[in-house]
Protein backbone atom coordinates (compact mmCIF):
# COMPACT_ATOMS: atom_id res chain seq x y z
CA UNK A 1 -27.85 -32.46 106.67
CA UNK A 2 -25.88 -30.63 108.26
CA UNK A 3 -24.61 -30.58 111.74
CA UNK A 4 -23.53 -27.55 114.45
CA UNK A 5 -21.54 -27.68 117.53
CA UNK A 6 -22.81 -25.94 120.10
CA UNK A 7 -20.14 -23.49 121.95
CA UNK A 8 -19.54 -25.12 125.70
CA UNK A 9 -19.99 -21.71 128.11
CA UNK A 10 -19.13 -24.34 131.08
CA UNK A 11 -16.12 -27.22 130.73
CA UNK A 12 -16.90 -29.46 133.30
CA UNK A 13 -13.77 -31.59 132.63
CA UNK A 14 -11.43 -28.96 132.98
CA UNK A 15 -13.48 -27.19 136.37
CA UNK A 16 -12.95 -30.73 137.90
CA UNK A 17 -9.48 -31.37 137.34
CA UNK A 18 -8.69 -27.84 138.21
CA UNK A 19 -10.28 -28.93 141.32
CA UNK A 20 -8.48 -32.15 141.48
CA UNK A 21 -5.36 -30.60 141.33
CA UNK A 22 -6.14 -27.83 143.79
CA UNK A 23 -7.23 -30.03 146.26
CA UNK A 24 -3.93 -32.62 145.53
CA UNK A 25 -1.10 -29.30 146.48
CA UNK A 26 -3.51 -28.52 150.07
CA UNK A 27 -3.04 -32.18 151.34
CA UNK A 28 0.38 -32.05 150.47
CA UNK A 29 2.63 -33.70 152.99
CA UNK A 30 -0.55 -34.86 155.15
CA UNK A 31 -1.09 -37.67 157.05
CA UNK A 32 -3.83 -40.28 156.16
CA UNK A 33 -5.96 -39.03 158.81
CA UNK A 34 -5.28 -35.55 158.00
CA UNK A 35 -6.41 -36.71 154.61
CA UNK A 36 -9.57 -37.78 155.65
CA UNK A 37 -10.69 -35.13 158.15
CA UNK A 38 -9.30 -32.43 155.37
CA UNK A 39 -12.30 -34.31 152.99
CA UNK A 40 -14.78 -34.95 155.72
CA UNK A 41 -14.83 -30.74 156.07
CA UNK A 42 -15.15 -30.28 152.35
CA UNK A 43 -17.88 -32.27 152.35
CA UNK A 44 -19.82 -30.78 154.87
CA UNK A 45 -18.51 -27.17 153.63
CA UNK A 46 -16.22 -25.72 156.30
CA UNK A 47 -13.68 -25.68 153.31
CA UNK A 48 -14.29 -24.32 149.88
CA UNK A 49 -12.14 -25.34 147.48
CA UNK A 50 -13.01 -23.50 144.09
């Protein structure tokens, strides 16, 4: 029996790693309160990271 591996068109691990790195660069130098507000705005859709 031979198995074939499917070619991925979307790699979720690399996608979310890239998002995490973008967010880290955007939050660089922020205080904890600023980071909390920033993350809340991302969740609400006011800021787009992708």
